C-alpha atoms as a PDB file:
ATOM      1  CA  MET A   1     174.269 -25.134 -48.323  1.00  0.00           C
ATOM      2  CA  ASN A   2     177.823 -23.866 -48.343  1.00  0.00           C
ATOM      3  CA  PRO A   3     179.944 -26.511 -46.541  1.00  0.00           C
ATOM      4  CA  PHE A   4     181.637 -23.878 -44.357  1.00  0.00           C
ATOM      5  CA  LEU A   5     178.274 -22.502 -43.252  1.00  0.00           C
ATOM      6  CA  LYS A   6     177.057 -26.033 -42.533  1.00  0.00           C
ATOM      7  CA  LEU A   7     180.173 -26.707 -40.460  1.00  0.00           C
ATOM      8  CA  ALA A   8     179.694 -23.428 -38.571  1.00  0.00           C
ATOM      9  CA  LEU A   9     176.047 -24.230 -37.880  1.00  0.00           C
ATOM     10  CA  ASP A  10     176.907 -27.751 -36.703  1.00  0.00           C
ATOM     11  CA  LEU A  11     179.924 -26.871 -34.549  1.00  0.00           C
ATOM     12  CA  GLY A  12     179.161 -23.276 -33.570  1.00  0.00           C
ATOM     13  CA  PRO A  13     176.747 -24.004 -30.723  1.00  0.00           C
ATOM     14  CA  LEU A  14     179.132 -26.537 -29.193  1.00  0.00           C
ATOM     15  CA  LEU A  15     182.097 -24.145 -29.418  1.00  0.00           C
ATOM     16  CA  ILE A  16     179.989 -21.363 -27.886  1.00  0.00           C
ATOM     17  CA  PHE A  17     179.047 -23.765 -25.076  1.00  0.00           C
ATOM     18  CA  PHE A  18     182.729 -24.486 -24.419  1.00  0.00           C
ATOM     19  CA  ALA A  19     183.780 -20.815 -24.542  1.00  0.00           C
ATOM     20  CA  ALA A  20     180.922 -19.657 -22.320  1.00  0.00           C
ATOM     21  CA  ASN A  21     181.657 -22.398 -19.802  1.00  0.00           C
ATOM     22  CA  SER A  22     185.319 -21.368 -19.709  1.00  0.00           C
ATOM     23  CA  MET A  23     184.420 -17.725 -19.101  1.00  0.00           C
ATOM     24  CA  ALA A  24     181.274 -17.855 -16.977  1.00  0.00           C
ATOM     25  CA  GLY A  25     180.440 -21.400 -15.869  1.00  0.00           C
ATOM     26  CA  ILE A  26     177.977 -24.101 -16.785  1.00  0.00           C
ATOM     27  CA  PHE A  27     174.751 -22.143 -16.275  1.00  0.00           C
ATOM     28  CA  VAL A  28     175.736 -19.251 -18.553  1.00  0.00           C
ATOM     29  CA  ALA A  29     177.148 -21.817 -20.986  1.00  0.00           C
ATOM     30  CA  THR A  30     173.850 -23.707 -20.963  1.00  0.00           C
ATOM     31  CA  ALA A  31     171.883 -20.536 -21.751  1.00  0.00           C
ATOM     32  CA  ALA A  32     174.366 -19.628 -24.502  1.00  0.00           C
ATOM     33  CA  PHE A  33     174.118 -23.182 -25.906  1.00  0.00           C
ATOM     34  CA  MET A  34     170.331 -22.944 -26.008  1.00  0.00           C
ATOM     35  CA  LEU A  35     170.449 -19.605 -27.831  1.00  0.00           C
ATOM     36  CA  ALA A  36     173.172 -20.738 -30.239  1.00  0.00           C
ATOM     37  CA  MET A  37     171.335 -23.966 -31.051  1.00  0.00           C
ATOM     38  CA  THR A  38     168.098 -22.076 -31.711  1.00  0.00           C
ATOM     39  CA  ALA A  39     169.946 -19.587 -33.926  1.00  0.00           C
ATOM     40  CA  SER A  40     171.688 -22.414 -35.781  1.00  0.00           C
ATOM     41  CA  ILE A  41     168.400 -24.129 -36.566  1.00  0.00           C
ATOM     42  CA  ALA A  42     166.781 -20.834 -37.606  1.00  0.00           C
ATOM     43  CA  ILE A  43     169.677 -19.981 -39.934  1.00  0.00           C
ATOM     44  CA  ALA A  44     169.647 -23.481 -41.441  1.00  0.00           C
ATOM     45  CA  PHE A  45     165.920 -23.137 -42.087  1.00  0.00           C
ATOM     46  CA  ALA A  46     166.313 -19.658 -43.577  1.00  0.00           C
ATOM     47  CA  VAL A  47     168.987 -20.914 -45.977  1.00  0.00           C
ATOM     48  CA  GLU A  48     167.565 -24.305 -46.975  1.00  0.00           C
ATOM     49  CA  ARG A  49     163.888 -24.032 -46.084  1.00  0.00           C
ATOM     50  CA  LYS A  50     164.244 -27.307 -44.189  1.00  0.00           C
ATOM     51  CA  VAL A  51     165.992 -28.621 -41.083  1.00  0.00           C
ATOM     52  CA  SER A  52     167.321 -32.133 -40.642  1.00  0.00           C
ATOM     53  CA  PRO A  53     165.486 -34.369 -38.163  1.00  0.00           C
ATOM     54  CA  VAL A  54     168.775 -34.896 -36.288  1.00  0.00           C
ATOM     55  CA  ALA A  55     169.185 -31.131 -35.800  1.00  0.00           C
ATOM     56  CA  LEU A  56     165.570 -30.799 -34.649  1.00  0.00           C
ATOM     57  CA  VAL A  57     165.851 -33.628 -32.116  1.00  0.00           C
ATOM     58  CA  THR A  58     169.189 -32.331 -30.857  1.00  0.00           C
ATOM     59  CA  GLY A  59     167.822 -28.793 -30.606  1.00  0.00           C
ATOM     60  CA  ALA A  60     164.714 -29.945 -28.755  1.00  0.00           C
ATOM     61  CA  LEU A  61     166.808 -31.891 -26.249  1.00  0.00           C
ATOM     62  CA  VAL A  62     169.136 -28.909 -25.735  1.00  0.00           C
ATOM     63  CA  LEU A  63     166.122 -26.692 -25.018  1.00  0.00           C
ATOM     64  CA  VAL A  64     164.394 -29.179 -22.713  1.00  0.00           C
ATOM     65  CA  PHE A  65     167.442 -30.294 -20.726  1.00  0.00           C
ATOM     66  CA  GLY A  66     169.032 -26.845 -20.833  1.00  0.00           C
ATOM     67  CA  GLY A  67     165.769 -25.384 -19.571  1.00  0.00           C
ATOM     68  CA  LEU A  68     165.663 -27.903 -16.725  1.00  0.00           C
ATOM     69  CA  THR A  69     169.304 -27.133 -15.899  1.00  0.00           C
ATOM     70  CA  LEU A  70     168.583 -23.415 -15.611  1.00  0.00           C
ATOM     71  CA  TRP A  71     165.180 -23.695 -13.976  1.00  0.00           C
ATOM     72  CA  LEU A  72     166.333 -26.125 -11.285  1.00  0.00           C
ATOM     73  CA  SER A  73     169.917 -24.765 -11.043  1.00  0.00           C
ATOM     74  CA  ASN A  74     171.184 -28.302 -11.460  1.00  0.00           C
ATOM     75  CA  ASP A  75     173.767 -29.134 -14.117  1.00  0.00           C
ATOM     76  CA  ILE A  76     172.935 -32.852 -14.114  1.00  0.00           C
ATOM     77  CA  PHE A  77     170.287 -32.249 -16.788  1.00  0.00           C
ATOM     78  CA  ILE A  78     172.661 -30.784 -19.368  1.00  0.00           C
ATOM     79  CA  LYS A  79     175.147 -33.555 -18.546  1.00  0.00           C
ATOM     80  CA  ILE A  80     172.664 -36.374 -19.189  1.00  0.00           C
ATOM     81  CA  LYS A  81     171.393 -34.791 -22.423  1.00  0.00           C
ATOM     82  CA  PRO A  82     174.112 -36.471 -24.548  1.00  0.00           C
ATOM     83  CA  THR A  83     173.370 -39.839 -22.944  1.00  0.00           C
ATOM     84  CA  ILE A  84     169.701 -39.503 -23.846  1.00  0.00           C
ATOM     85  CA  LEU A  85     170.495 -38.243 -27.361  1.00  0.00           C
ATOM     86  CA  TYR A  86     172.925 -41.080 -28.137  1.00  0.00           C
ATOM     87  CA  THR A  87     170.528 -43.643 -26.654  1.00  0.00           C
ATOM     88  CA  MET A  88     167.723 -42.228 -28.809  1.00  0.00           C
ATOM     89  CA  PHE A  89     169.877 -42.439 -31.942  1.00  0.00           C
ATOM     90  CA  ALA A  90     170.797 -46.060 -31.185  1.00  0.00           C
ATOM     91  CA  SER A  91     167.177 -46.932 -30.371  1.00  0.00           C
ATOM     92  CA  VAL A  92     165.829 -45.362 -33.565  1.00  0.00           C
ATOM     93  CA  LEU A  93     168.445 -47.141 -35.679  1.00  0.00           C
ATOM     94  CA  LEU A  94     167.852 -50.508 -34.000  1.00  0.00           C
ATOM     95  CA  GLY A  95     164.085 -50.038 -33.983  1.00  0.00           C
ATOM     96  CA  GLY A  96     164.204 -49.249 -37.673  1.00  0.00           C
ATOM     97  CA  LEU A  97     166.332 -52.318 -38.265  1.00  0.00           C
ATOM     98  CA  TYR A  98     163.809 -54.444 -36.378  1.00  0.00           C
ATOM     99  CA  ALA A  99     160.982 -52.937 -38.474  1.00  0.00           C
ATOM    100  CA  ASP A 100     163.012 -53.441 -41.666  1.00  0.00           C
ATOM    101  CA  ARG A 101     163.508 -49.686 -42.117  1.00  0.00           C
ATOM    102  CA  LEU A 102     167.080 -48.641 -42.779  1.00  0.00           C
ATOM    103  CA  PHE A 103     167.195 -45.072 -41.485  1.00  0.00           C
ATOM    104  CA  ILE A 104     170.911 -44.694 -42.242  1.00  0.00           C
ATOM    105  CA  LYS A 105     170.099 -45.504 -45.856  1.00  0.00           C
ATOM    106  CA  TYR A 106     167.487 -42.735 -45.863  1.00  0.00           C
ATOM    107  CA  MET A 107     170.063 -40.270 -44.542  1.00  0.00           C
ATOM    108  CA  LEU A 108     173.095 -41.315 -46.594  1.00  0.00           C
ATOM    109  CA  GLY A 109     171.568 -43.076 -49.579  1.00  0.00           C
ATOM    110  CA  GLN A 110     171.887 -39.974 -51.748  1.00  0.00           C
ATOM    111  CA  SER A 111     175.663 -39.967 -51.371  1.00  0.00           C
ATOM    112  CA  MET A 112     176.400 -43.698 -51.631  1.00  0.00           C
ATOM    113  CA  ARG A 113     174.830 -46.884 -52.912  1.00  0.00           C
ATOM    114  CA  LEU A 114     175.153 -50.011 -50.818  1.00  0.00           C
ATOM    115  CA  SER A 115     173.309 -53.300 -50.665  1.00  0.00           C
ATOM    116  CA  ASP A 116     170.678 -53.610 -47.943  1.00  0.00           C
ATOM    117  CA  THR A 117     172.944 -56.131 -46.197  1.00  0.00           C
ATOM    118  CA  ALA A 118     175.680 -53.504 -46.016  1.00  0.00           C
ATOM    119  CA  TRP A 119     173.197 -50.871 -44.795  1.00  0.00           C
ATOM    120  CA  ARG A 120     172.119 -53.270 -42.035  1.00  0.00           C
ATOM    121  CA  ALA A 121     175.728 -53.834 -40.987  1.00  0.00           C
ATOM    122  CA  LEU A 122     176.366 -50.079 -40.999  1.00  0.00           C
ATOM    123  CA  THR A 123     173.242 -49.577 -38.900  1.00  0.00           C
ATOM    124  CA  LEU A 124     174.499 -52.093 -36.332  1.00  0.00           C
ATOM    125  CA  ARG A 125     177.923 -50.444 -36.255  1.00  0.00           C
ATOM    126  CA  TRP A 126     176.528 -46.961 -35.714  1.00  0.00           C
ATOM    127  CA  SER A 127     174.054 -48.241 -33.121  1.00  0.00           C
ATOM    128  CA  ALA A 128     176.882 -49.848 -31.155  1.00  0.00           C
ATOM    129  CA  PHE A 129     178.912 -46.649 -31.437  1.00  0.00           C
ATOM    130  CA  PHE A 130     176.037 -44.543 -30.075  1.00  0.00           C
ATOM    131  CA  VAL A 131     175.521 -46.966 -27.173  1.00  0.00           C
ATOM    132  CA  ALA A 132     179.252 -46.733 -26.415  1.00  0.00           C
ATOM    133  CA  LEU A 133     179.087 -42.921 -26.492  1.00  0.00           C
ATOM    134  CA  ALA A 134     176.094 -42.943 -24.140  1.00  0.00           C
ATOM    135  CA  LEU A 135     177.921 -45.192 -21.675  1.00  0.00           C
ATOM    136  CA  LEU A 136     181.115 -43.157 -21.975  1.00  0.00           C
ATOM    137  CA  ASN A 137     179.217 -39.911 -21.315  1.00  0.00           C
ATOM    138  CA  GLU A 138     177.715 -41.442 -18.180  1.00  0.00           C
ATOM    139  CA  ILE A 139     181.145 -42.522 -16.941  1.00  0.00           C
ATOM    140  CA  VAL A 140     182.789 -39.183 -17.691  1.00  0.00           C
ATOM    141  CA  TRP A 141     180.187 -36.819 -16.224  1.00  0.00           C
ATOM    142  CA  ARG A 142     179.996 -38.900 -13.056  1.00  0.00           C
ATOM    143  CA  SER A 143     183.765 -39.050 -12.544  1.00  0.00           C
ATOM    144  CA  VAL A 144     185.240 -35.673 -13.545  1.00  0.00           C
ATOM    145  CA  SER A 145     184.601 -31.988 -12.870  1.00  0.00           C
ATOM    146  CA  THR A 146     182.029 -30.079 -14.900  1.00  0.00           C
ATOM    147  CA  ASP A 147     184.782 -28.191 -16.745  1.00  0.00           C
ATOM    148  CA  ASN A 148     186.470 -31.463 -17.693  1.00  0.00           C
ATOM    149  CA  TRP A 149     183.144 -32.943 -18.823  1.00  0.00           C
ATOM    150  CA  VAL A 150     182.540 -29.897 -21.060  1.00  0.00           C
ATOM    151  CA  ALA A 151     186.037 -30.292 -22.518  1.00  0.00           C
ATOM    152  CA  PHE A 152     185.354 -33.994 -23.098  1.00  0.00           C
ATOM    153  CA  LYS A 153     182.043 -33.171 -24.769  1.00  0.00           C
ATOM    154  CA  VAL A 154     183.656 -30.662 -27.131  1.00  0.00           C
ATOM    155  CA  TRP A 155     187.179 -31.998 -27.717  1.00  0.00           C
ATOM    156  CA  ALA A 156     186.763 -35.785 -27.406  1.00  0.00           C
ATOM    157  CA  VAL A 157     183.304 -36.764 -28.652  1.00  0.00           C
ATOM    158  CA  LEU A 158     183.557 -34.940 -31.975  1.00  0.00           C
ATOM    159  CA  PRO A 159     186.977 -36.402 -32.877  1.00  0.00           C
ATOM    160  CA  MET A 160     185.816 -39.872 -31.795  1.00  0.00           C
ATOM    161  CA  THR A 161     182.772 -39.543 -34.040  1.00  0.00           C
ATOM    162  CA  LEU A 162     184.857 -38.365 -36.984  1.00  0.00           C
ATOM    163  CA  LEU A 163     187.373 -41.174 -36.466  1.00  0.00           C
ATOM    164  CA  PHE A 164     184.576 -43.727 -36.248  1.00  0.00           C
ATOM    165  CA  ALA A 165     183.017 -42.395 -39.463  1.00  0.00           C
ATOM    166  CA  ILE A 166     186.386 -42.495 -41.218  1.00  0.00           C
ATOM    167  CA  ALA A 167     186.946 -46.034 -39.938  1.00  0.00           C
ATOM    168  CA  GLN A 168     183.770 -47.067 -41.799  1.00  0.00           C
ATOM    169  CA  THR A 169     185.239 -45.973 -45.146  1.00  0.00           C
ATOM    170  CA  PRO A 170     186.921 -49.304 -46.031  1.00  0.00           C
ATOM    171  CA  PHE A 171     183.665 -51.154 -45.301  1.00  0.00           C
ATOM    172  CA  ILE A 172     181.681 -48.699 -47.410  1.00  0.00           C
ATOM    173  CA  LEU A 173     184.154 -48.872 -50.290  1.00  0.00           C
ATOM    174  CA  ARG A 174     184.094 -52.687 -50.209  1.00  0.00           C
ATOM    175  CA  HIS A 175     180.292 -52.721 -50.428  1.00  0.00           C
ATOM    176  CA  GLN A 176     179.780 -49.781 -52.775  1.00  0.00           C
ATOM    177  CA  ILE A 177     177.507 -50.573 -55.721  1.00  0.00           C
ATOM    178  CA  GLU A 178     178.422 -48.999 -59.029  1.00  0.00           C
ATOM    179  CA  SER A 179     175.760 -46.565 -60.182  1.00  0.00           C
ATOM    180  CA  ASP A 180     174.946 -48.490 -63.381  1.00  0.00           C
ATOM    181  CA  GLU A 181     174.443 -51.752 -61.489  1.00  0.00           C
ATOM    182  CA  THR A 182     171.117 -52.771 -60.061  1.00  0.00           C
ATOM    183  CA  PRO A 183     171.490 -53.629 -56.387  1.00  0.00           C
ATOM    184  CA  PRO A 184     171.126 -57.351 -55.734  1.00  0.00           C
ATOM    185  CA  ALA A 185     167.830 -58.443 -54.227  1.00  0.00           C
ATOM    186  CA  GLU A 186     168.237 -59.377 -50.607  1.00  0.00           C
END
């Protein structure tokens, strides 16, 4: 997929959520987010004939918690959606680690080669990051206005995630296995 299209499909629904909230409030924004997320997944499927599991889980949670928000006229549901999503990501990663399944390796193994020890460490790092994001979301939505929470969701979480990913680069480079090497048995 064209990287610009991928970026638009990943960020578009969130930016639409922010814009709609700014213009018409959280309930219109929630409906717009649900539509944009559905469209994003449909376009991704039309282009690639597949959709990532992360996009499917995220989309399902947006539809379920967005639907509850609109049906019950209560914005708490859309506000707790990120907490549940980040907790699910951490739980899946840690559960996989416990079951000796390195899900991060399945997702990123095509783009980099690391030893299983390094994949385990990366799994623990990302799990801790997702737990921290879940806790931070809980603190923020409970302590600021809805508009400020939406701004946090759009303008703070994404940069924090990008910075965290970039911060993993030295670790990844240190543990990178050259393509002609056989990874050491662990």
